[in-house]
């Protein structure tokens, strides 16, 4: 008997549970043994487990995660747009200072240089994060265009070669 398989007197129970369509984890729980032992014994007996449900669940989970990343990417893009829009809006700048820690503020028609720099930096970071979560569409159309241009070039080269070849009627 191979190492790590269950006792032979339990094989019939394993076969019955497997025939009922139960998965490895359910069988392990019902029989009170480790999942690895169920897997090794099933393999020894030539039994396989249907993994289509697991594959479908994994595909669904990956699709859900992709959708969530897409939503976050949209939010990052919104932050980038908001940051850039704020550059041209009235901006109140304030500071605390002096020996008495006095509060002072001033409102500008649009963001001063330091605030512009911070807003542009925030927009850049948000855009980078958005592109990492949902990369910009690349090359599919470009590659199709290159292929089409290559086909046109081949056609034109063939036509030019045909035009240079003398015809039987003396070139007329």
N, C-alpha and C. Protein backbone atom coordinates (compact mmCIF):
# COMPACT_ATOMS: atom_id res chain seq x y z
N UNK A 1 0.86 -1.18 0.00
CA UNK A 1 0.00 0.00 0.00
C UNK A 1 0.90 1.24 0.00
N UNK A 2 0.57 2.23 -0.82
CA UNK A 2 1.37 3.46 -0.87
C UNK A 2 1.34 4.20 0.47
N UNK A 3 2.39 4.94 0.71
CA UNK A 3 2.51 5.72 1.95
C UNK A 3 1.52 6.88 1.93
N UNK A 4 0.86 7.12 3.06
CA UNK A 4 -0.01 8.28 3.20
C UNK A 4 -1.43 8.09 2.73
N UNK A 5 -1.85 6.84 2.45
CA UNK A 5 -3.24 6.61 2.07
C UNK A 5 -3.99 6.04 3.26
N UNK A 6 -5.32 6.16 3.23
CA UNK A 6 -6.13 5.66 4.35
C UNK A 6 -6.17 4.14 4.35
N UNK A 7 -6.60 3.61 5.46
CA UNK A 7 -6.69 2.15 5.60
C UNK A 7 -7.63 1.58 4.55
N UNK A 8 -7.29 0.41 4.08
CA UNK A 8 -8.03 -0.22 2.99
C UNK A 8 -9.49 -0.48 3.34
N UNK A 9 -9.79 -0.67 4.62
CA UNK A 9 -11.18 -0.94 5.02
C UNK A 9 -12.08 0.29 4.86
N UNK A 10 -11.52 1.46 4.58
CA UNK A 10 -12.32 2.68 4.40
C UNK A 10 -12.44 3.07 2.93
N UNK A 11 -11.82 2.32 2.04
CA UNK A 11 -11.83 2.66 0.62
C UNK A 11 -13.24 2.64 0.04
N UNK A 12 -14.06 1.67 0.47
CA UNK A 12 -15.43 1.60 -0.05
C UNK A 12 -16.22 2.85 0.33
N UNK A 13 -16.03 3.33 1.55
CA UNK A 13 -16.71 4.55 1.99
C UNK A 13 -16.28 5.73 1.12
N UNK A 14 -14.98 5.81 0.84
CA UNK A 14 -14.46 6.88 -0.02
C UNK A 14 -15.08 6.78 -1.41
N UNK A 15 -15.14 5.57 -1.96
CA UNK A 15 -15.73 5.38 -3.30
C UNK A 15 -17.20 5.82 -3.32
N UNK A 16 -17.94 5.47 -2.27
CA UNK A 16 -19.37 5.84 -2.20
C UNK A 16 -19.54 7.36 -2.15
N UNK A 17 -18.78 8.01 -1.30
CA UNK A 17 -18.89 9.47 -1.19
C UNK A 17 -18.49 10.14 -2.50
N UNK A 18 -17.46 9.60 -3.13
CA UNK A 18 -17.01 10.13 -4.42
C UNK A 18 -18.10 9.94 -5.47
N UNK A 19 -18.74 8.78 -5.48
CA UNK A 19 -19.80 8.48 -6.44
C UNK A 19 -21.00 9.41 -6.25
N UNK A 20 -21.21 9.89 -5.02
CA UNK A 20 -22.29 10.83 -4.74
C UNK A 20 -21.98 12.23 -5.27
N UNK A 21 -20.76 12.40 -5.77
CA UNK A 21 -20.37 13.70 -6.33
C UNK A 21 -19.81 14.66 -5.30
N UNK A 22 -19.47 14.16 -4.13
CA UNK A 22 -18.93 15.03 -3.09
C UNK A 22 -17.47 15.35 -3.39
N UNK A 23 -17.08 16.54 -3.02
CA UNK A 23 -15.72 16.99 -3.25
C UNK A 23 -14.76 16.48 -2.19
N UNK A 24 -13.49 16.67 -2.44
CA UNK A 24 -12.45 16.19 -1.55
C UNK A 24 -12.60 16.73 -0.14
N UNK A 25 -12.84 18.04 0.00
CA UNK A 25 -12.94 18.63 1.33
C UNK A 25 -14.13 18.10 2.11
N UNK A 26 -15.26 17.92 1.44
CA UNK A 26 -16.46 17.38 2.09
C UNK A 26 -16.20 15.95 2.55
N UNK A 27 -15.59 15.15 1.67
CA UNK A 27 -15.27 13.76 2.03
C UNK A 27 -14.33 13.73 3.23
N UNK A 28 -13.32 14.58 3.23
CA UNK A 28 -12.38 14.61 4.35
C UNK A 28 -13.09 14.94 5.65
N UNK A 29 -14.01 15.92 5.61
CA UNK A 29 -14.75 16.28 6.83
C UNK A 29 -15.64 15.13 7.30
N UNK A 30 -16.34 14.52 6.36
CA UNK A 30 -17.26 13.43 6.73
C UNK A 30 -16.52 12.21 7.26
N UNK A 31 -15.35 11.94 6.70
CA UNK A 31 -14.60 10.77 7.13
C UNK A 31 -13.67 11.08 8.29
N UNK A 32 -13.47 12.36 8.58
CA UNK A 32 -12.61 12.76 9.69
C UNK A 32 -11.14 12.52 9.44
N UNK A 33 -10.73 12.70 8.19
CA UNK A 33 -9.31 12.53 7.85
C UNK A 33 -8.82 13.75 7.07
N UNK A 34 -7.51 13.84 6.92
CA UNK A 34 -6.90 14.99 6.25
C UNK A 34 -7.20 14.97 4.75
N UNK A 35 -7.31 16.18 4.18
CA UNK A 35 -7.59 16.30 2.75
C UNK A 35 -6.49 15.67 1.90
N UNK A 36 -5.25 15.80 2.35
CA UNK A 36 -4.13 15.20 1.61
C UNK A 36 -4.24 13.69 1.53
N UNK A 37 -4.69 13.09 2.63
CA UNK A 37 -4.88 11.64 2.66
C UNK A 37 -5.98 11.22 1.70
N UNK A 38 -7.06 12.01 1.65
CA UNK A 38 -8.15 11.73 0.70
C UNK A 38 -7.62 11.83 -0.72
N UNK A 39 -6.84 12.87 -1.02
CA UNK A 39 -6.30 13.05 -2.37
C UNK A 39 -5.40 11.89 -2.77
N UNK A 40 -4.49 11.50 -1.88
CA UNK A 40 -3.56 10.41 -2.20
C UNK A 40 -4.30 9.09 -2.39
N UNK A 41 -5.27 8.83 -1.51
CA UNK A 41 -6.03 7.58 -1.63
C UNK A 41 -6.87 7.58 -2.90
N UNK A 42 -7.51 8.69 -3.20
CA UNK A 42 -8.31 8.78 -4.42
C UNK A 42 -7.44 8.55 -5.65
N UNK A 43 -6.26 9.15 -5.67
CA UNK A 43 -5.34 8.96 -6.79
C UNK A 43 -4.94 7.49 -6.90
N UNK A 44 -4.67 6.87 -5.76
CA UNK A 44 -4.30 5.45 -5.74
C UNK A 44 -5.43 4.58 -6.30
N UNK A 45 -6.67 4.97 -6.01
CA UNK A 45 -7.84 4.21 -6.47
C UNK A 45 -8.29 4.62 -7.88
N UNK A 46 -7.63 5.61 -8.46
CA UNK A 46 -7.98 6.06 -9.80
C UNK A 46 -9.20 6.97 -9.83
N UNK A 47 -9.52 7.58 -8.71
CA UNK A 47 -10.65 8.50 -8.62
C UNK A 47 -10.15 9.93 -8.82
N UNK A 48 -10.91 10.72 -9.54
CA UNK A 48 -10.57 12.14 -9.72
C UNK A 48 -11.74 12.99 -9.28
N UNK A 49 -11.43 14.21 -8.91
CA UNK A 49 -12.46 15.15 -8.45
C UNK A 49 -12.72 16.18 -9.53
N UNK A 50 -13.99 16.51 -9.73
CA UNK A 50 -14.39 17.51 -10.72
C UNK A 50 -14.01 18.89 -10.20
N UNK A 51 -13.18 19.57 -10.94
CA UNK A 51 -12.70 20.89 -10.51
C UNK A 51 -13.38 22.04 -11.25
N UNK A 52 -14.38 21.76 -12.05
CA UNK A 52 -15.01 22.83 -12.83
C UNK A 52 -15.66 23.88 -11.94
N UNK A 53 -16.25 23.45 -10.83
CA UNK A 53 -16.88 24.42 -9.92
C UNK A 53 -15.82 25.34 -9.30
N UNK A 54 -14.68 24.76 -8.95
CA UNK A 54 -13.59 25.55 -8.37
C UNK A 54 -13.04 26.52 -9.41
N UNK A 55 -12.88 26.03 -10.63
CA UNK A 55 -12.36 26.90 -11.69
C UNK A 55 -13.33 28.03 -11.98
N UNK A 56 -14.62 27.73 -11.99
CA UNK A 56 -15.62 28.78 -12.24
C UNK A 56 -15.63 29.79 -11.10
N UNK A 57 -15.50 29.31 -9.87
CA UNK A 57 -15.47 30.22 -8.72
C UNK A 57 -14.23 31.10 -8.76
N UNK A 58 -13.10 30.52 -9.14
CA UNK A 58 -11.86 31.29 -9.24
C UNK A 58 -11.98 32.35 -10.33
N UNK A 59 -12.54 31.97 -11.47
CA UNK A 59 -12.72 32.94 -12.56
C UNK A 59 -13.66 34.07 -12.14
N UNK A 60 -14.72 33.72 -11.41
CA UNK A 60 -15.66 34.75 -10.93
C UNK A 60 -14.97 35.67 -9.94
N UNK A 61 -14.17 35.11 -9.05
CA UNK A 61 -13.45 35.92 -8.06
C UNK A 61 -12.47 36.86 -8.75
N UNK A 62 -11.76 36.37 -9.75
CA UNK A 62 -10.82 37.22 -10.49
C UNK A 62 -11.56 38.34 -11.22
N UNK A 63 -12.72 38.03 -11.78
CA UNK A 63 -13.51 39.06 -12.46
C UNK A 63 -14.00 40.11 -11.46
N UNK A 64 -14.42 39.66 -10.27
CA UNK A 64 -14.86 40.60 -9.23
C UNK A 64 -13.72 41.52 -8.81
N UNK A 65 -12.52 40.94 -8.64
CA UNK A 65 -11.37 41.75 -8.24
C UNK A 65 -11.00 42.75 -9.34
N UNK A 66 -11.08 42.33 -10.59
CA UNK A 66 -10.78 43.24 -11.71
C UNK A 66 -11.77 44.40 -11.72
N UNK A 67 -13.04 44.11 -11.46
CA UNK A 67 -14.06 45.17 -11.41
C UNK A 67 -13.78 46.13 -10.26
N UNK A 68 -13.39 45.60 -9.11
CA UNK A 68 -13.10 46.46 -7.96
C UNK A 68 -11.89 47.35 -8.25
N UNK A 69 -10.85 46.77 -8.90
CA UNK A 69 -9.69 47.58 -9.28
C UNK A 69 -10.08 48.67 -10.26
N UNK A 70 -10.98 48.35 -11.16
CA UNK A 70 -11.46 49.33 -12.14
C UNK A 70 -12.17 50.49 -11.44
N UNK A 71 -12.99 50.18 -10.44
CA UNK A 71 -13.70 51.22 -9.69
C UNK A 71 -12.70 52.11 -8.95
N UNK A 72 -11.69 51.50 -8.35
CA UNK A 72 -10.67 52.28 -7.64
C UNK A 72 -9.89 53.15 -8.63
N UNK A 73 -9.59 52.61 -9.81
CA UNK A 73 -8.88 53.38 -10.83
C UNK A 73 -9.69 54.61 -11.24
N UNK A 74 -11.00 54.47 -11.35
CA UNK A 74 -11.86 55.61 -11.68
C UNK A 74 -11.78 56.65 -10.57
N UNK A 75 -11.78 56.21 -9.32
CA UNK A 75 -11.69 57.15 -8.20
C UNK A 75 -10.36 57.90 -8.22
N UNK A 76 -9.27 57.18 -8.53
CA UNK A 76 -7.97 57.85 -8.64
C UNK A 76 -7.99 58.89 -9.76
N UNK A 77 -8.62 58.56 -10.87
CA UNK A 77 -8.73 59.51 -11.98
C UNK A 77 -9.55 60.73 -11.56
N UNK A 78 -10.61 60.51 -10.78
CA UNK A 78 -11.41 61.63 -10.26
C UNK A 78 -10.56 62.53 -9.37
N UNK A 79 -9.72 61.92 -8.52
CA UNK A 79 -8.84 62.70 -7.64
C UNK A 79 -7.88 63.53 -8.48
N UNK A 80 -7.32 62.93 -9.53
CA UNK A 80 -6.39 63.65 -10.40
C UNK A 80 -7.08 64.84 -11.06
N UNK A 81 -8.28 64.62 -11.57
CA UNK A 81 -9.02 65.71 -12.22
C UNK A 81 -9.35 66.81 -11.22
N UNK A 82 -9.80 66.42 -10.03
CA UNK A 82 -10.14 67.39 -9.00
C UNK A 82 -8.91 68.22 -8.61
N UNK A 83 -7.77 67.55 -8.46
CA UNK A 83 -6.54 68.27 -8.10
C UNK A 83 -6.17 69.29 -9.16
N UNK A 84 -6.27 68.92 -10.41
CA UNK A 84 -5.92 69.85 -11.48
C UNK A 84 -6.93 70.98 -11.59
N UNK A 85 -8.21 70.69 -11.35
CA UNK A 85 -9.24 71.75 -11.38
C UNK A 85 -9.02 72.78 -10.28
N UNK A 86 -8.53 72.34 -9.13
CA UNK A 86 -8.34 73.24 -7.98
C UNK A 86 -7.26 74.29 -8.23
N UNK A 87 -6.38 74.04 -9.19
CA UNK A 87 -5.32 75.00 -9.49
C UNK A 87 -5.92 76.34 -9.88
N UNK A 88 -7.03 76.32 -10.60
CA UNK A 88 -7.61 77.55 -11.14
C UNK A 88 -8.78 78.08 -10.31
N UNK A 89 -8.98 77.53 -9.13
CA UNK A 89 -10.04 78.00 -8.24
C UNK A 89 -9.44 78.91 -7.17
N UNK A 90 -10.26 79.78 -6.57
CA UNK A 90 -9.76 80.61 -5.47
C UNK A 90 -9.21 79.71 -4.35
N UNK A 91 -8.05 80.09 -3.84
CA UNK A 91 -7.36 79.27 -2.84
C UNK A 91 -7.00 80.12 -1.64
N UNK A 92 -7.37 79.63 -0.47
CA UNK A 92 -7.00 80.30 0.77
C UNK A 92 -5.76 79.63 1.34
N UNK A 93 -4.72 80.44 1.56
CA UNK A 93 -3.48 79.96 2.13
C UNK A 93 -3.38 80.52 3.54
N UNK A 94 -2.98 79.68 4.49
CA UNK A 94 -2.90 80.14 5.87
C UNK A 94 -1.61 79.66 6.50
N UNK A 95 -1.26 80.30 7.60
CA UNK A 95 -0.06 79.93 8.34
C UNK A 95 -0.19 80.38 9.78
N UNK A 96 0.53 79.70 10.65
CA UNK A 96 0.67 80.11 12.04
C UNK A 96 2.11 80.55 12.21
N UNK A 97 2.32 81.63 12.91
CA UNK A 97 3.70 82.05 13.07
C UNK A 97 3.89 83.13 14.10
N UNK A 98 5.13 83.51 14.26
CA UNK A 98 5.48 84.55 15.21
C UNK A 98 5.60 83.99 16.62
N UNK A 99 6.02 84.85 17.50
CA UNK A 99 6.23 84.42 18.89
C UNK A 99 4.92 84.09 19.59
N UNK A 100 3.82 84.69 19.12
CA UNK A 100 2.52 84.42 19.75
C UNK A 100 1.72 83.40 18.95
N UNK A 101 2.35 82.80 17.95
CA UNK A 101 1.70 81.79 17.11
C UNK A 101 0.41 82.34 16.51
N UNK A 102 0.54 83.43 15.80
CA UNK A 102 -0.60 84.14 15.21
C UNK A 102 -1.04 83.45 13.92
N UNK A 103 -2.36 83.36 13.75
CA UNK A 103 -2.94 82.78 12.54
C UNK A 103 -3.11 83.89 11.50
N UNK A 104 -2.67 83.59 10.25
CA UNK A 104 -2.83 84.55 9.16
C UNK A 104 -3.27 83.78 7.92
N UNK A 105 -4.15 84.40 7.14
CA UNK A 105 -4.60 83.76 5.90
C UNK A 105 -4.75 84.80 4.80
N UNK A 106 -4.68 84.30 3.56
CA UNK A 106 -4.88 85.15 2.39
C UNK A 106 -5.53 84.30 1.30
N UNK A 107 -6.50 84.87 0.60
CA UNK A 107 -7.17 84.15 -0.49
C UNK A 107 -6.67 84.69 -1.83
N UNK A 108 -6.22 83.77 -2.68
CA UNK A 108 -5.72 84.10 -4.01
C UNK A 108 -6.78 83.71 -5.04
N UNK A 109 -6.74 84.36 -6.21
CA UNK A 109 -7.68 84.04 -7.29
C UNK A 109 -7.50 82.60 -7.79
N UNK A 110 -6.25 82.16 -7.79
CA UNK A 110 -5.95 80.77 -8.13
C UNK A 110 -4.76 80.33 -7.28
N UNK A 111 -4.50 79.05 -7.26
CA UNK A 111 -3.48 78.50 -6.36
C UNK A 111 -2.10 79.09 -6.63
N UNK A 112 -1.40 79.53 -5.56
CA UNK A 112 -0.03 80.00 -5.72
C UNK A 112 0.91 78.84 -6.10
N UNK A 113 2.15 79.18 -6.41
CA UNK A 113 3.10 78.20 -6.94
C UNK A 113 3.26 76.96 -6.05
N UNK A 114 3.43 77.13 -4.76
CA UNK A 114 3.63 75.98 -3.87
C UNK A 114 2.42 75.06 -3.87
N UNK A 115 1.24 75.65 -3.85
CA UNK A 115 0.02 74.84 -3.86
C UNK A 115 -0.18 74.18 -5.22
N UNK A 116 0.19 74.90 -6.30
CA UNK A 116 0.11 74.30 -7.64
C UNK A 116 0.99 73.06 -7.71
N UNK A 117 2.20 73.21 -7.19
CA UNK A 117 3.14 72.09 -7.21
C UNK A 117 2.55 70.89 -6.46
N UNK A 118 1.96 71.13 -5.29
CA UNK A 118 1.36 70.05 -4.51
C UNK A 118 0.17 69.43 -5.26
N UNK A 119 -0.65 70.26 -5.89
CA UNK A 119 -1.82 69.75 -6.61
C UNK A 119 -1.41 68.95 -7.85
N UNK A 120 -0.40 69.45 -8.57
CA UNK A 120 0.08 68.72 -9.75
C UNK A 120 0.71 67.40 -9.31
N UNK A 121 1.45 67.42 -8.21
CA UNK A 121 2.04 66.19 -7.69
C UNK A 121 0.96 65.19 -7.30
N UNK A 122 -0.07 65.65 -6.62
CA UNK A 122 -1.18 64.77 -6.24
C UNK A 122 -1.86 64.20 -7.48
N UNK A 123 -2.05 65.03 -8.50
CA UNK A 123 -2.68 64.55 -9.74
C UNK A 123 -1.80 63.50 -10.41
N UNK A 124 -0.49 63.73 -10.41
CA UNK A 124 0.43 62.77 -11.02
C UNK A 124 0.42 61.43 -10.31
N UNK A 125 0.46 61.46 -8.98
CA UNK A 125 0.44 60.22 -8.20
C UNK A 125 -0.88 59.48 -8.44
N UNK A 126 -1.99 60.21 -8.41
CA UNK A 126 -3.30 59.58 -8.62
C UNK A 126 -3.39 58.97 -10.03
N UNK A 127 -2.85 59.66 -11.02
CA UNK A 127 -2.87 59.14 -12.39
C UNK A 127 -2.01 57.89 -12.50
N UNK A 128 -0.81 57.91 -11.89
CA UNK A 128 0.05 56.73 -11.90
C UNK A 128 -0.64 55.53 -11.27
N UNK A 129 -1.28 55.75 -10.13
CA UNK A 129 -1.98 54.66 -9.44
C UNK A 129 -3.13 54.14 -10.29
N UNK A 130 -3.84 55.05 -10.93
CA UNK A 130 -4.95 54.65 -11.79
C UNK A 130 -4.45 53.78 -12.95
N UNK A 131 -3.34 54.19 -13.56
CA UNK A 131 -2.81 53.44 -14.69
C UNK A 131 -2.25 52.08 -14.27
N UNK A 132 -1.77 51.98 -13.04
CA UNK A 132 -1.30 50.67 -12.56
C UNK A 132 -2.47 49.73 -12.34
N UNK A 133 -3.59 50.27 -11.87
CA UNK A 133 -4.77 49.43 -11.62
C UNK A 133 -5.49 49.08 -12.91
N UNK A 134 -5.53 50.01 -13.86
CA UNK A 134 -6.23 49.80 -15.14
C UNK A 134 -5.38 50.42 -16.23
N UNK A 135 -4.40 49.66 -16.75
CA UNK A 135 -3.50 50.22 -17.76
C UNK A 135 -4.25 50.75 -18.98
N UNK A 136 -3.67 51.79 -19.55
CA UNK A 136 -4.26 52.38 -20.76
C UNK A 136 -4.24 51.34 -21.87
N UNK A 137 -5.21 51.44 -22.75
CA UNK A 137 -5.28 50.50 -23.87
C UNK A 137 -4.02 50.66 -24.71
N UNK A 138 -3.41 49.53 -25.01
CA UNK A 138 -2.19 49.58 -25.81
C UNK A 138 -2.37 48.81 -27.09
N UNK A 139 -1.51 49.03 -27.95
CA UNK A 139 -1.19 48.39 -29.18
C UNK A 139 -2.16 47.59 -30.00
N UNK A 140 -3.33 47.20 -29.58
CA UNK A 140 -4.17 46.35 -30.43
C UNK A 140 -4.47 47.06 -31.75
N UNK A 141 -4.92 48.30 -31.66
CA UNK A 141 -5.22 49.05 -32.89
C UNK A 141 -3.94 49.43 -33.62
N UNK A 142 -2.90 49.73 -32.87
CA UNK A 142 -1.62 50.08 -33.49
C UNK A 142 -1.08 48.89 -34.28
N UNK A 143 -1.14 47.70 -33.65
CA UNK A 143 -0.64 46.51 -34.34
C UNK A 143 -1.46 46.21 -35.59
N UNK A 144 -2.77 46.40 -35.50
CA UNK A 144 -3.62 46.18 -36.68
C UNK A 144 -3.25 47.17 -37.78
N UNK A 145 -2.98 48.41 -37.39
CA UNK A 145 -2.58 49.43 -38.36
C UNK A 145 -1.25 49.09 -39.01
N UNK A 146 -0.30 48.61 -38.22
CA UNK A 146 1.00 48.21 -38.76
C UNK A 146 0.83 47.06 -39.75
N UNK A 147 -0.01 46.11 -39.38
CA UNK A 147 -0.26 44.97 -40.25
C UNK A 147 -0.87 45.42 -41.58
N UNK A 148 -1.85 46.33 -41.49
CA UNK A 148 -2.49 46.84 -42.70
C UNK A 148 -1.47 47.58 -43.56
N UNK A 149 -0.62 48.42 -42.93
CA UNK A 149 0.39 49.15 -43.69
C UNK A 149 1.39 48.19 -44.34
N UNK A 150 1.73 47.12 -43.63
CA UNK A 150 2.61 46.12 -44.20
C UNK A 150 2.00 45.46 -45.42
N UNK A 151 0.70 45.16 -45.34
CA UNK A 151 -0.01 44.57 -46.48
C UNK A 151 -0.03 45.52 -47.67
N UNK A 152 -0.27 46.80 -47.39
CA UNK A 152 -0.29 47.80 -48.47
C UNK A 152 1.09 47.90 -49.11
N UNK A 153 2.13 47.90 -48.27
CA UNK A 153 3.50 47.99 -48.79
C UNK A 153 3.82 46.79 -49.68
N UNK A 154 3.42 45.61 -49.26
CA UNK A 154 3.64 44.41 -50.07
C UNK A 154 2.91 44.52 -51.40
N UNK A 155 1.67 44.97 -51.35
CA UNK A 155 0.88 45.14 -52.57
C UNK A 155 1.54 46.15 -53.51
N UNK A 156 1.96 47.31 -52.96
CA UNK A 156 2.59 48.34 -53.80
C UNK A 156 3.91 47.86 -54.38
N UNK A 157 4.68 47.13 -53.60
CA UNK A 157 5.95 46.60 -54.09
C UNK A 157 5.71 45.62 -55.23
N UNK A 158 4.71 44.78 -55.07
CA UNK A 158 4.35 43.82 -56.12
C UNK A 158 3.89 44.55 -57.37
N UNK A 159 3.07 45.58 -57.20
CA UNK A 159 2.58 46.35 -58.35
C UNK A 159 3.73 47.06 -59.06
N UNK A 160 4.66 47.62 -58.28
CA UNK A 160 5.80 48.31 -58.88
C UNK A 160 6.66 47.34 -59.66
N UNK A 161 6.85 46.14 -59.13
CA UNK A 161 7.64 45.13 -59.83
C UNK A 161 6.94 44.71 -61.11
N UNK A 162 5.62 44.58 -61.06
CA UNK A 162 4.85 44.22 -62.27
C UNK A 162 4.95 45.32 -63.32
N UNK A 163 4.96 46.58 -62.88
CA UNK A 163 5.04 47.70 -63.83
C UNK A 163 6.41 47.76 -64.50
N UNK A 164 7.46 47.31 -63.80
CA UNK A 164 8.81 47.34 -64.36
C UNK A 164 9.08 46.17 -65.31
N UNK A 165 8.23 45.16 -65.27
CA UNK A 165 8.43 43.98 -66.12
C UNK A 165 7.89 44.28 -67.52
N UNK A 166 8.74 44.12 -68.56
CA UNK A 166 8.25 44.38 -69.93
C UNK A 166 7.17 43.38 -70.31
N UNK A 167 6.19 43.87 -71.03
CA UNK A 167 5.09 43.00 -71.47
C UNK A 167 5.41 42.44 -72.85
N UNK A 168 4.64 41.45 -73.27
CA UNK A 168 4.84 40.80 -74.56
C UNK A 168 4.47 41.70 -75.74
N UNK A 169 3.68 42.73 -75.50
CA UNK A 169 3.23 43.58 -76.61
C UNK A 169 4.15 44.77 -76.85
N UNK A 170 5.38 44.69 -76.31
CA UNK A 170 6.35 45.74 -76.57
C UNK A 170 6.23 46.92 -75.65
N UNK A 171 5.54 46.77 -74.53
CA UNK A 171 5.43 47.83 -73.55
C UNK A 171 4.33 48.80 -73.81
N UNK A 172 3.44 48.52 -74.77
CA UNK A 172 2.35 49.45 -75.06
C UNK A 172 1.08 49.05 -74.39
